[in-house]
Amino acid sequence: MSAIATNWKTLLALFVLGLALLFASSLVAVSRSSPPAAASQTTAPVSNAPQEPPISNEIRGFPQLD
């Protein structure tokens, strides 16, 4: 007989234990997840000041070809 046939109970127990640990870790990850962003009450302040144009990475005198 092969070693697997003689030790099938041990192998089955290890497999079940691995599945139980996987399931438990997924439950812990779900319970620790943060609330959705829509539920938070943080808002950006509204500014009426004029905004500067974004910084360009182009080299002056050499227009970028798209």
PDB file of N, CA and C in Angstrom:
ATOM      1  N   MET A   1       0.829  -1.181   0.000  1.00  0.00           N
ATOM      2  CA  MET A   1       0.000   0.000   0.000  1.00  0.00           C
ATOM      3  C   MET A   1       0.878   1.251   0.000  1.00  0.00           C
ATOM      4  N   SER A   2       0.351   2.273  -0.622  1.00  0.00           N
ATOM      5  CA  SER A   2       1.109   3.525  -0.664  1.00  0.00           C
ATOM      6  C   SER A   2       0.930   4.296   0.640  1.00  0.00           C
ATOM      7  N   ALA A   3       1.784   5.291   0.822  1.00  0.00           N
ATOM      8  CA  ALA A   3       1.736   6.087   2.044  1.00  0.00           C
ATOM      9  C   ALA A   3       0.442   6.898   2.129  1.00  0.00           C
ATOM     10  N   ILE A   4      -0.075   7.313   0.983  1.00  0.00           N
ATOM     11  CA  ILE A   4      -1.316   8.090   0.983  1.00  0.00           C
ATOM     12  C   ILE A   4      -2.485   7.232   1.451  1.00  0.00           C
ATOM     13  N   ALA A   5      -2.532   5.974   1.032  1.00  0.00           N
ATOM     14  CA  ALA A   5      -3.629   5.093   1.418  1.00  0.00           C
ATOM     15  C   ALA A   5      -3.609   4.794   2.909  1.00  0.00           C
ATOM     16  N   THR A   6      -2.438   4.743   3.507  1.00  0.00           N
ATOM     17  CA  THR A   6      -2.368   4.431   4.935  1.00  0.00           C
ATOM     18  C   THR A   6      -2.600   5.668   5.804  1.00  0.00           C
ATOM     19  N   ASN A   7      -2.312   6.867   5.291  1.00  0.00           N
ATOM     20  CA  ASN A   7      -2.435   8.090   6.080  1.00  0.00           C
ATOM     21  C   ASN A   7      -3.558   8.995   5.573  1.00  0.00           C
ATOM     22  N   TRP A   8      -4.625   8.442   5.033  1.00  0.00           N
ATOM     23  CA  TRP A   8      -5.670   9.264   4.437  1.00  0.00           C
ATOM     24  C   TRP A   8      -6.414  10.095   5.480  1.00  0.00           C
ATOM     25  N   LYS A   9      -6.518   9.609   6.684  1.00  0.00           N
ATOM     26  CA  LYS A   9      -7.233  10.365   7.714  1.00  0.00           C
ATOM     27  C   LYS A   9      -6.455  11.635   8.089  1.00  0.00           C
ATOM     28  N   THR A  10      -5.155  11.518   8.196  1.00  0.00           N
ATOM     29  CA  THR A  10      -4.321  12.668   8.514  1.00  0.00           C
ATOM     30  C   THR A  10      -4.382  13.693   7.383  1.00  0.00           C
ATOM     31  N   LEU A  11      -4.304  13.214   6.143  1.00  0.00           N
ATOM     32  CA  LEU A  11      -4.364  14.114   4.996  1.00  0.00           C
ATOM     33  C   LEU A  11      -5.719  14.810   4.913  1.00  0.00           C
ATOM     34  N   LEU A  12      -6.786  14.083   5.187  1.00  0.00           N
ATOM     35  CA  LEU A  12      -8.117  14.666   5.168  1.00  0.00           C
ATOM     36  C   LEU A  12      -8.263  15.707   6.276  1.00  0.00           C
ATOM     37  N   ALA A  13      -7.739  15.413   7.446  1.00  0.00           N
ATOM     38  CA  ALA A  13      -7.813  16.361   8.555  1.00  0.00           C
ATOM     39  C   ALA A  13      -7.037  17.636   8.232  1.00  0.00           C
ATOM     40  N   LEU A  14      -5.876  17.539   7.627  1.00  0.00           N
ATOM     41  CA  LEU A  14      -5.092  18.707   7.243  1.00  0.00           C
ATOM     42  C   LEU A  14      -5.805  19.530   6.170  1.00  0.00           C
ATOM     43  N   PHE A  15      -6.442  18.851   5.240  1.00  0.00           N
ATOM     44  CA  PHE A  15      -7.189  19.538   4.193  1.00  0.00           C
ATOM     45  C   PHE A  15      -8.370  20.309   4.775  1.00  0.00           C
ATOM     46  N   VAL A  16      -9.113  19.678   5.672  1.00  0.00           N
ATOM     47  CA  VAL A  16     -10.256  20.331   6.309  1.00  0.00           C
ATOM     48  C   VAL A  16      -9.781  21.502   7.170  1.00  0.00           C
ATOM     49  N   LEU A  17      -8.683  21.329   7.871  1.00  0.00           N
ATOM     50  CA  LEU A  17      -8.124  22.410   8.680  1.00  0.00           C
ATOM     51  C   LEU A  17      -7.714  23.587   7.796  1.00  0.00           C
ATOM     52  N   GLY A  18      -7.118  23.322   6.658  1.00  0.00           N
ATOM     53  CA  GLY A  18      -6.731  24.385   5.726  1.00  0.00           C
ATOM     54  C   GLY A  18      -7.945  25.135   5.197  1.00  0.00           C
ATOM     55  N   LEU A  19      -9.013  24.414   4.859  1.00  0.00           N
ATOM     56  CA  LEU A  19     -10.232  25.073   4.405  1.00  0.00           C
ATOM     57  C   LEU A  19     -10.854  25.912   5.505  1.00  0.00           C
ATOM     58  N   ALA A  20     -10.827  25.421   6.736  1.00  0.00           N
ATOM     59  CA  ALA A  20     -11.381  26.173   7.864  1.00  0.00           C
ATOM     60  C   ALA A  20     -10.586  27.460   8.092  1.00  0.00           C
ATOM     61  N   LEU A  21      -9.262  27.394   7.997  1.00  0.00           N
ATOM     62  CA  LEU A  21      -8.436  28.588   8.168  1.00  0.00           C
ATOM     63  C   LEU A  21      -8.672  29.595   7.039  1.00  0.00           C
ATOM     64  N   LEU A  22      -8.846  29.104   5.830  1.00  0.00           N
ATOM     65  CA  LEU A  22      -9.128  29.978   4.696  1.00  0.00           C
ATOM     66  C   LEU A  22     -10.462  30.691   4.894  1.00  0.00           C
ATOM     67  N   PHE A  23     -11.468  29.955   5.315  1.00  0.00           N
ATOM     68  CA  PHE A  23     -12.785  30.532   5.554  1.00  0.00           C
ATOM     69  C   PHE A  23     -12.735  31.554   6.690  1.00  0.00           C
ATOM     70  N   ALA A  24     -12.034  31.226   7.762  1.00  0.00           N
ATOM     71  CA  ALA A  24     -11.936  32.142   8.899  1.00  0.00           C
ATOM     72  C   ALA A  24     -11.191  33.419   8.520  1.00  0.00           C
ATOM     73  N   SER A  25     -10.133  33.307   7.732  1.00  0.00           N
ATOM     74  CA  SER A  25      -9.388  34.505   7.346  1.00  0.00           C
ATOM     75  C   SER A  25     -10.210  35.388   6.415  1.00  0.00           C
ATOM     76  N   SER A  26     -11.041  34.795   5.575  1.00  0.00           N
ATOM     77  CA  SER A  26     -11.884  35.608   4.708  1.00  0.00           C
ATOM     78  C   SER A  26     -12.956  36.331   5.519  1.00  0.00           C
ATOM     79  N   LEU A  27     -13.468  35.715   6.573  1.00  0.00           N
ATOM     80  CA  LEU A  27     -14.443  36.377   7.435  1.00  0.00           C
ATOM     81  C   LEU A  27     -13.805  37.535   8.188  1.00  0.00           C
ATOM     82  N   VAL A  28     -12.578  37.368   8.628  1.00  0.00           N
ATOM     83  CA  VAL A  28     -11.883  38.440   9.335  1.00  0.00           C
ATOM     84  C   VAL A  28     -11.625  39.607   8.393  1.00  0.00           C
ATOM     85  N   ALA A  29     -11.253  39.311   7.163  1.00  0.00           N
ATOM     86  CA  ALA A  29     -10.989  40.371   6.185  1.00  0.00           C
ATOM     87  C   ALA A  29     -12.259  41.155   5.878  1.00  0.00           C
ATOM     88  N   VAL A  30     -13.380  40.481   5.793  1.00  0.00           N
ATOM     89  CA  VAL A  30     -14.644  41.156   5.509  1.00  0.00           C
ATOM     90  C   VAL A  30     -15.075  42.011   6.692  1.00  0.00           C
ATOM     91  N   SER A  31     -14.873  41.519   7.891  1.00  0.00           N
ATOM     92  CA  SER A  31     -15.299  42.282   9.064  1.00  0.00           C
ATOM     93  C   SER A  31     -14.417  43.503   9.300  1.00  0.00           C
ATOM     94  N   ARG A  32     -13.178  43.499   8.828  1.00  0.00           N
ATOM     95  CA  ARG A  32     -12.268  44.628   9.017  1.00  0.00           C
ATOM     96  C   ARG A  32     -12.332  45.636   7.876  1.00  0.00           C
ATOM     97  N   SER A  33     -13.111  45.372   6.853  1.00  0.00           N
ATOM     98  CA  SER A  33     -13.144  46.286   5.714  1.00  0.00           C
ATOM     99  C   SER A  33     -13.764  47.614   6.127  1.00  0.00           C
ATOM    100  N   SER A  34     -13.299  48.681   5.494  1.00  0.00           N
ATOM    101  CA  SER A  34     -13.775  50.014   5.827  1.00  0.00           C
ATOM    102  C   SER A  34     -15.140  50.250   5.190  1.00  0.00           C
ATOM    103  N   PRO A  35     -15.907  51.209   5.729  1.00  0.00           N
ATOM    104  CA  PRO A  35     -17.214  51.508   5.143  1.00  0.00           C
ATOM    105  C   PRO A  35     -17.029  52.118   3.759  1.00  0.00           C
ATOM    106  N   PRO A  36     -18.046  52.058   2.917  1.00  0.00           N
ATOM    107  CA  PRO A  36     -17.931  52.631   1.569  1.00  0.00           C
ATOM    108  C   PRO A  36     -17.684  54.131   1.617  1.00  0.00           C
ATOM    109  N   ALA A  37     -17.064  54.641   0.590  1.00  0.00           N
ATOM    110  CA  ALA A  37     -16.714  56.059   0.548  1.00  0.00           C
ATOM    111  C   ALA A  37     -17.958  56.943   0.537  1.00  0.00           C
ATOM    112  N   ALA A  38     -19.056  56.450  -0.021  1.00  0.00           N
ATOM    113  CA  ALA A  38     -20.276  57.244  -0.076  1.00  0.00           C
ATOM    114  C   ALA A  38     -20.850  57.474   1.318  1.00  0.00           C
ATOM    115  N   ALA A  39     -20.574  56.593   2.249  1.00  0.00           N
ATOM    116  CA  ALA A  39     -21.116  56.721   3.590  1.00  0.00           C
ATOM    117  C   ALA A  39     -20.361  57.736   4.423  1.00  0.00           C
ATOM    118  N   SER A  40     -19.139  58.051   4.045  1.00  0.00           N
ATOM    119  CA  SER A  40     -18.370  59.012   4.833  1.00  0.00           C
ATOM    120  C   SER A  40     -18.868  60.425   4.552  1.00  0.00           C
ATOM    121  N   GLN A  41     -18.723  61.302   5.518  1.00  0.00           N
ATOM    122  CA  GLN A  41     -19.246  62.661   5.417  1.00  0.00           C
ATOM    123  C   GLN A  41     -18.156  63.679   5.131  1.00  0.00           C
ATOM    124  N   THR A  42     -17.079  63.274   4.507  1.00  0.00           N
ATOM    125  CA  THR A  42     -15.998  64.204   4.195  1.00  0.00           C
ATOM    126  C   THR A  42     -16.275  64.867   2.858  1.00  0.00           C
ATOM    127  N   THR A  43     -16.171  66.201   2.830  1.00  0.00           N
ATOM    128  CA  THR A  43     -16.363  66.936   1.588  1.00  0.00           C
ATOM    129  C   THR A  43     -15.196  67.883   1.410  1.00  0.00           C
ATOM    130  N   ALA A  44     -14.866  68.172   0.179  1.00  0.00           N
ATOM    131  CA  ALA A  44     -13.776  69.093  -0.124  1.00  0.00           C
ATOM    132  C   ALA A  44     -14.283  70.520   0.016  1.00  0.00           C
ATOM    133  N   PRO A  45     -13.473  71.405   0.558  1.00  0.00           N
ATOM    134  CA  PRO A  45     -13.913  72.803   0.687  1.00  0.00           C
ATOM    135  C   PRO A  45     -14.032  73.458  -0.684  1.00  0.00           C
ATOM    136  N   VAL A  46     -15.053  74.278  -0.829  1.00  0.00           N
ATOM    137  CA  VAL A  46     -15.283  74.966  -2.093  1.00  0.00           C
ATOM    138  C   VAL A  46     -14.477  76.255  -2.087  1.00  0.00           C
ATOM    139  N   SER A  47     -13.692  76.461  -3.137  1.00  0.00           N
ATOM    140  CA  SER A  47     -12.848  77.648  -3.223  1.00  0.00           C
ATOM    141  C   SER A  47     -13.263  78.467  -4.435  1.00  0.00           C
ATOM    142  N   ASN A  48     -13.478  79.766  -4.232  1.00  0.00           N
ATOM    143  CA  ASN A  48     -13.836  80.646  -5.338  1.00  0.00           C
ATOM    144  C   ASN A  48     -12.622  81.363  -5.913  1.00  0.00           C
ATOM    145  N   ALA A  49     -11.443  81.058  -5.411  1.00  0.00           N
ATOM    146  CA  ALA A  49     -10.224  81.690  -5.902  1.00  0.00           C
ATOM    147  C   ALA A  49      -9.907  81.184  -7.304  1.00  0.00           C
ATOM    148  N   PRO A  50      -9.342  82.042  -8.144  1.00  0.00           N
ATOM    149  CA  PRO A  50      -8.980  81.574  -9.502  1.00  0.00           C
ATOM    150  C   PRO A  50      -7.902  80.497  -9.421  1.00  0.00           C
ATOM    151  N   GLN A  51      -8.051  79.527 -10.275  1.00  0.00           N
ATOM    152  CA  GLN A  51      -7.102  78.410 -10.268  1.00  0.00           C
ATOM    153  C   GLN A  51      -6.083  78.602 -11.381  1.00  0.00           C
ATOM    154  N   GLU A  52      -4.854  78.228 -11.093  1.00  0.00           N
ATOM    155  CA  GLU A  52      -3.799  78.300 -12.094  1.00  0.00           C
ATOM    156  C   GLU A  52      -3.922  77.102 -13.027  1.00  0.00           C
ATOM    157  N   PRO A  53      -3.498  77.254 -14.270  1.00  0.00           N
ATOM    158  CA  PRO A  53      -3.539  76.100 -15.180  1.00  0.00           C
ATOM    159  C   PRO A  53      -2.562  75.027 -14.695  1.00  0.00           C
ATOM    160  N   PRO A  54      -2.834  73.783 -14.994  1.00  0.00           N
ATOM    161  CA  PRO A  54      -1.935  72.717 -14.547  1.00  0.00           C
ATOM    162  C   PRO A  54      -0.550  72.862 -15.167  1.00  0.00           C
ATOM    163  N   ILE A  55       0.439  72.388 -14.459  1.00  0.00           N
ATOM    164  CA  ILE A  55       1.818  72.455 -14.928  1.00  0.00           C
ATOM    165  C   ILE A  55       1.982  71.517 -16.115  1.00  0.00           C
ATOM    166  N   SER A  56       2.562  72.019 -17.176  1.00  0.00           N
ATOM    167  CA  SER A  56       2.775  71.225 -18.375  1.00  0.00           C
ATOM    168  C   SER A  56       4.167  70.604 -18.344  1.00  0.00           C
ATOM    169  N   ASN A  57       4.288  69.428 -18.900  1.00  0.00           N
ATOM    170  CA  ASN A  57       5.594  68.788 -18.972  1.00  0.00           C
ATOM    171  C   ASN A  57       6.240  68.963 -20.348  1.00  0.00           C
ATOM    172  N   GLU A  58       5.647  69.820 -21.166  1.00  0.00           N
ATOM    173  CA  GLU A  58       6.208  70.068 -22.488  1.00  0.00           C
ATOM    174  C   GLU A  58       7.394  71.017 -22.401  1.00  0.00           C
ATOM    175  N   ILE A  59       8.335  70.853 -23.302  1.00  0.00           N
ATOM    176  CA  ILE A  59       9.479  71.758 -23.401  1.00  0.00           C
ATOM    177  C   ILE A  59       9.062  72.909 -24.309  1.00  0.00           C
ATOM    178  N   ARG A  60       9.271  74.135 -23.824  1.00  0.00           N
ATOM    179  CA  ARG A  60       8.872  75.304 -24.613  1.00  0.00           C
ATOM    180  C   ARG A  60       9.629  75.315 -25.928  1.00  0.00           C
ATOM    181  N   GLY A  61       8.910  75.611 -26.976  1.00  0.00           N
ATOM    182  CA  GLY A  61       9.520  75.675 -28.300  1.00  0.00           C
ATOM    183  C   GLY A  61       9.462  74.331 -29.035  1.00  0.00           C
ATOM    184  N   PHE A  62       9.119  73.279 -28.358  1.00  0.00           N
ATOM    185  CA  PHE A  62       8.982  71.975 -28.981  1.00  0.00           C
ATOM    186  C   PHE A  62       7.602  71.418 -28.627  1.00  0.00           C
ATOM    187  N   PRO A  63       6.584  71.741 -29.433  1.00  0.00           N
ATOM    188  CA  PRO A  63       5.236  71.262 -29.101  1.00  0.00           C
ATOM    189  C   PRO A  63       5.148  69.743 -29.171  1.00  0.00           C
ATOM    190  N   GLN A  64       4.301  69.245 -28.343  1.00  0.00           N
ATOM    191  CA  GLN A  64       4.136  67.781 -28.280  1.00  0.00           C
ATOM    192  C   GLN A  64       3.275  67.330 -29.458  1.00  0.00           C
ATOM    193  N   LEU A  65       3.681  66.298 -30.140  1.00  0.00           N
ATOM    194  CA  LEU A  65       2.942  65.769 -31.286  1.00  0.00           C
ATOM    195  C   LEU A  65       2.079  64.605 -30.795  1.00  0.00           C
ATOM    196  N   ASP A  66       0.778  64.764 -30.949  1.00  0.00           N
ATOM    197  CA  ASP A  66      -0.146  63.697 -30.536  1.00  0.00           C
ATOM    198  C   ASP A  66      -0.553  62.849 -31.696  1.00  0.00           C
TER     199      ASP A  66
END
